[in-house]
Amino acid sequence: MDVKLKLFIPLFAIGCFCFSQDGFEGEHRIKKSQFPALKDPQLIPDEGIKQLRFYKETENAESQYRLKFKQNRLHYYMNFNHDGVLLNLGFRVKTIDIPSDTHTNIGSYFNEHFEQSKIRRMYQEYQVKKTAGAREVVKNAFQNLLLPDIQYLIIIRGKKEGDWNSYKANFNADGKLISIRRALPPNYDHILY
């Protein structure tokens, strides 16, 4: 065996091991024709929508479809399954939009579990459940009602044991943690210069 080949194989194996990911996560823009037919097309408001975009989001083996748009200076998103059924919707919020007790509880969680943390984005989410129909949930979201079953999705950069990573954390309306997971880095399908 050639000496160069003997060196290349172990280096290649080490490189593959170092750069492997735990799973696949990605979001890419799709055409409207690739978006599934909605079970209830009247969920999307007709008036005042700007920047309507369609996305397919893949996380490990599961995929869902996301509709993003801007209305009344708020950035909304609506998540659908492959059958066109609404799963949840939300919009981007700022610190001032979150009740002070909730924001304090969220901040204390990050202070306890991270050496340092920086909030990147915050969203107020409305989950579609069997008890509340999709139209009622959409109506509540567009009225920006602070209901006891809303959730806050917080995307942060956190430092643990000297390493900075991105995390996605869900909190309930009181600021108690529902779930947190490490967010994988974005998938670059293009060459960076």
Protein backbone atom coordinates (compact mmCIF):
# COMPACT_ATOMS: atom_id res chain seq x y z
CA MET A 1 0.00 0.00 0.00
CA ASP A 2 1.23 3.45 -0.84
CA VAL A 3 2.52 5.57 2.09
CA LYS A 4 0.25 8.47 1.15
CA LEU A 5 -2.79 6.19 1.17
CA LYS A 6 -1.81 4.77 4.58
CA LEU A 7 -1.76 8.32 5.99
CA PHE A 8 -4.91 9.43 4.20
CA ILE A 9 -7.26 6.68 5.46
CA PRO A 10 -6.77 7.33 9.22
CA LEU A 11 -6.90 11.10 8.74
CA PHE A 12 -10.08 10.77 6.70
CA ALA A 13 -11.70 8.59 9.40
CA ILE A 14 -10.76 11.06 12.13
CA GLY A 15 -12.14 13.94 10.06
CA CYS A 16 -15.44 12.15 9.50
CA PHE A 17 -15.75 11.38 13.21
CA CYS A 18 -14.98 14.96 14.28
CA PHE A 19 -17.44 16.59 11.92
CA SER A 20 -20.37 14.20 12.27
CA GLN A 21 -23.63 15.55 13.69
CA ASP A 22 -26.15 14.07 16.08
CA GLY A 23 -28.94 14.50 13.56
CA PHE A 24 -30.09 16.55 10.61
CA GLU A 25 -31.93 19.81 10.96
CA GLY A 26 -32.65 22.18 8.16
CA GLU A 27 -35.15 24.53 6.65
CA HIS A 28 -35.28 25.37 2.99
CA ARG A 29 -37.57 27.52 0.94
CA ILE A 30 -40.00 25.81 -1.41
CA LYS A 31 -42.49 26.91 -4.05
CA LYS A 32 -46.16 27.38 -3.23
CA SER A 33 -46.98 24.39 -5.43
CA GLN A 34 -44.78 22.16 -3.23
CA PHE A 35 -46.64 23.22 -0.08
CA PRO A 36 -49.37 20.74 0.97
CA ALA A 37 -53.01 21.65 0.37
CA LEU A 38 -54.39 23.15 3.57
CA LYS A 39 -57.30 21.42 5.31
CA ASP A 40 -58.73 24.85 6.14
CA PRO A 41 -57.45 27.57 3.77
CA GLN A 42 -59.37 30.25 5.71
CA LEU A 43 -56.86 30.01 8.57
CA ILE A 44 -54.54 32.34 6.67
CA PRO A 45 -55.81 35.94 6.80
CA ASP A 46 -56.41 37.71 3.50
CA GLU A 47 -55.66 41.28 4.51
CA GLY A 48 -52.34 42.96 5.17
CA ILE A 49 -50.02 40.01 4.54
CA LYS A 50 -46.55 40.83 3.27
CA GLN A 51 -43.53 38.67 2.48
CA LEU A 52 -45.44 35.38 2.24
CA ARG A 53 -42.91 32.52 2.04
CA PHE A 54 -43.15 28.73 2.08
CA TYR A 55 -40.62 26.42 3.77
CA LYS A 56 -40.06 22.74 4.39
CA GLU A 57 -38.41 22.01 7.72
CA THR A 58 -36.68 18.71 8.38
CA GLU A 59 -35.59 17.53 11.79
CA ASN A 60 -34.10 14.02 11.90
CA ALA A 61 -36.68 11.86 10.08
CA GLU A 62 -39.68 14.15 10.63
CA SER A 63 -40.66 16.96 8.32
CA GLN A 64 -43.20 19.72 8.55
CA TYR A 65 -44.11 22.72 6.48
CA ARG A 66 -43.81 26.31 7.59
CA LEU A 67 -45.53 29.39 6.26
CA LYS A 68 -43.87 32.70 7.16
CA PHE A 69 -45.32 36.14 6.64
CA LYS A 70 -45.44 39.64 8.03
CA GLN A 71 -48.64 41.34 9.13
CA ASN A 72 -49.03 44.58 11.07
CA ARG A 73 -45.25 44.76 11.65
CA LEU A 74 -45.18 41.32 13.31
CA HIS A 75 -43.31 38.31 11.89
CA TYR A 76 -45.63 35.27 12.00
CA TYR A 77 -45.11 31.61 11.23
CA MET A 78 -47.57 28.74 10.93
CA ASN A 79 -46.45 25.09 11.08
CA PHE A 80 -48.37 22.41 9.18
CA ASN A 81 -47.95 18.66 8.87
CA HIS A 82 -47.73 16.90 5.48
CA ASP A 83 -51.55 16.64 5.37
CA GLY A 84 -52.02 20.42 5.66
CA VAL A 85 -53.24 20.36 9.27
CA LEU A 86 -52.16 23.32 11.43
CA LEU A 87 -49.87 22.26 14.30
CA ASN A 88 -48.95 25.61 15.87
CA LEU A 89 -48.36 29.23 15.09
CA GLY A 90 -46.49 32.05 16.64
CA PHE A 91 -44.83 35.38 16.17
CA ARG A 92 -41.61 37.07 17.17
CA VAL A 93 -41.69 39.07 20.40
CA LYS A 94 -39.31 41.29 22.31
CA THR A 95 -38.51 41.36 26.01
CA ILE A 96 -41.04 44.11 26.64
CA ASP A 97 -43.84 41.92 25.22
CA ILE A 98 -43.35 39.15 27.81
CA PRO A 99 -44.92 39.61 31.28
CA SER A 100 -42.26 40.61 33.81
CA ASP A 101 -42.77 37.58 36.13
CA THR A 102 -42.46 35.19 33.18
CA HIS A 103 -39.37 36.95 31.88
CA THR A 104 -37.78 36.84 35.36
CA ASN A 105 -38.40 33.06 35.62
CA ILE A 106 -36.92 32.46 32.17
CA GLY A 107 -33.88 34.60 32.96
CA SER A 108 -33.28 32.83 36.28
CA TYR A 109 -33.36 29.44 34.51
CA PHE A 110 -30.67 30.59 32.06
CA ASN A 111 -28.57 32.07 34.88
CA GLU A 112 -28.71 28.81 36.84
CA HIS A 113 -27.90 26.45 33.95
CA PHE A 114 -25.43 28.45 31.83
CA GLU A 115 -22.21 30.28 32.56
CA GLN A 116 -23.28 32.94 30.07
CA SER A 117 -26.21 33.20 27.70
CA LYS A 118 -27.37 35.50 24.92
CA ILE A 119 -30.95 35.49 23.70
CA ARG A 120 -31.09 35.44 19.90
CA ARG A 121 -34.85 35.32 19.25
CA MET A 122 -38.06 34.96 21.21
CA TYR A 123 -41.40 33.73 19.93
CA GLN A 124 -44.85 33.55 21.47
CA GLU A 125 -46.47 30.27 20.38
CA TYR A 126 -50.04 29.02 20.29
CA GLN A 127 -50.42 25.24 20.13
CA VAL A 128 -53.39 23.67 18.35
CA LYS A 129 -54.94 21.10 20.68
CA LYS A 130 -57.98 18.88 20.52
CA THR A 131 -59.85 21.12 22.98
CA ALA A 132 -59.23 24.30 21.00
CA GLY A 133 -59.94 24.25 17.29
CA ALA A 134 -57.50 25.66 14.77
CA ARG A 135 -59.68 28.67 13.94
CA GLU A 136 -60.00 29.62 17.60
CA VAL A 137 -56.23 29.33 18.10
CA VAL A 138 -55.55 31.47 15.02
CA LYS A 139 -58.02 34.08 16.23
CA ASN A 140 -56.34 34.20 19.65
CA ALA A 141 -52.88 34.51 18.09
CA PHE A 142 -53.85 37.40 15.81
CA GLN A 143 -55.41 39.18 18.79
CA ASN A 144 -52.18 38.58 20.77
CA LEU A 145 -54.07 37.19 23.77
CA LEU A 146 -51.97 36.18 26.78
CA LEU A 147 -53.67 32.89 27.58
CA PRO A 148 -52.51 30.38 30.23
CA ASP A 149 -51.67 27.77 27.58
CA ILE A 150 -49.32 29.86 25.40
CA GLN A 151 -45.66 28.97 25.18
CA TYR A 152 -42.49 30.93 24.62
CA LEU A 153 -39.83 29.57 22.30
CA ILE A 154 -36.45 31.08 23.14
CA ILE A 155 -33.42 30.60 20.91
CA ILE A 156 -30.20 31.32 22.79
CA ARG A 157 -26.45 30.96 22.58
CA GLY A 158 -25.33 29.47 25.86
CA LYS A 159 -21.95 28.74 27.36
CA LYS A 160 -21.55 25.48 29.32
CA GLU A 161 -18.18 24.15 30.44
CA GLY A 162 -16.41 26.71 28.26
CA ASP A 163 -18.24 25.79 25.01
CA TRP A 164 -20.78 28.02 23.26
CA ASN A 165 -23.74 26.25 21.62
CA SER A 166 -27.18 27.19 20.33
CA TYR A 167 -30.24 25.96 22.21
CA LYS A 168 -34.00 26.02 21.67
CA ALA A 169 -36.01 26.19 24.88
CA ASN A 170 -39.78 26.09 25.36
CA PHE A 171 -41.34 27.71 28.42
CA ASN A 172 -44.95 27.83 29.54
CA ALA A 173 -46.87 31.06 30.24
CA ASP A 174 -45.44 31.20 33.78
CA GLY A 175 -41.84 30.86 32.60
CA LYS A 176 -41.33 27.25 33.66
CA LEU A 177 -39.22 25.09 31.37
CA ILE A 178 -41.10 22.60 29.19
CA SER A 179 -38.19 21.38 27.07
CA ILE A 180 -34.73 22.40 25.96
CA ARG A 181 -32.55 20.91 23.28
CA ARG A 182 -29.36 21.75 21.54
CA ALA A 183 -29.95 23.30 18.13
CA LEU A 184 -27.78 21.98 15.37
CA PRO A 185 -25.83 24.46 13.26
CA PRO A 186 -27.50 25.60 10.06
CA ASN A 187 -27.03 23.43 7.01
CA TYR A 188 -25.15 25.31 4.32
CA ASP A 189 -26.03 23.93 0.90
CA HIS A 190 -23.94 26.54 -0.83
CA ILE A 191 -20.27 27.42 -0.83
CA LEU A 192 -19.17 30.22 1.45
CA TYR A 193 -16.54 32.54 0.02
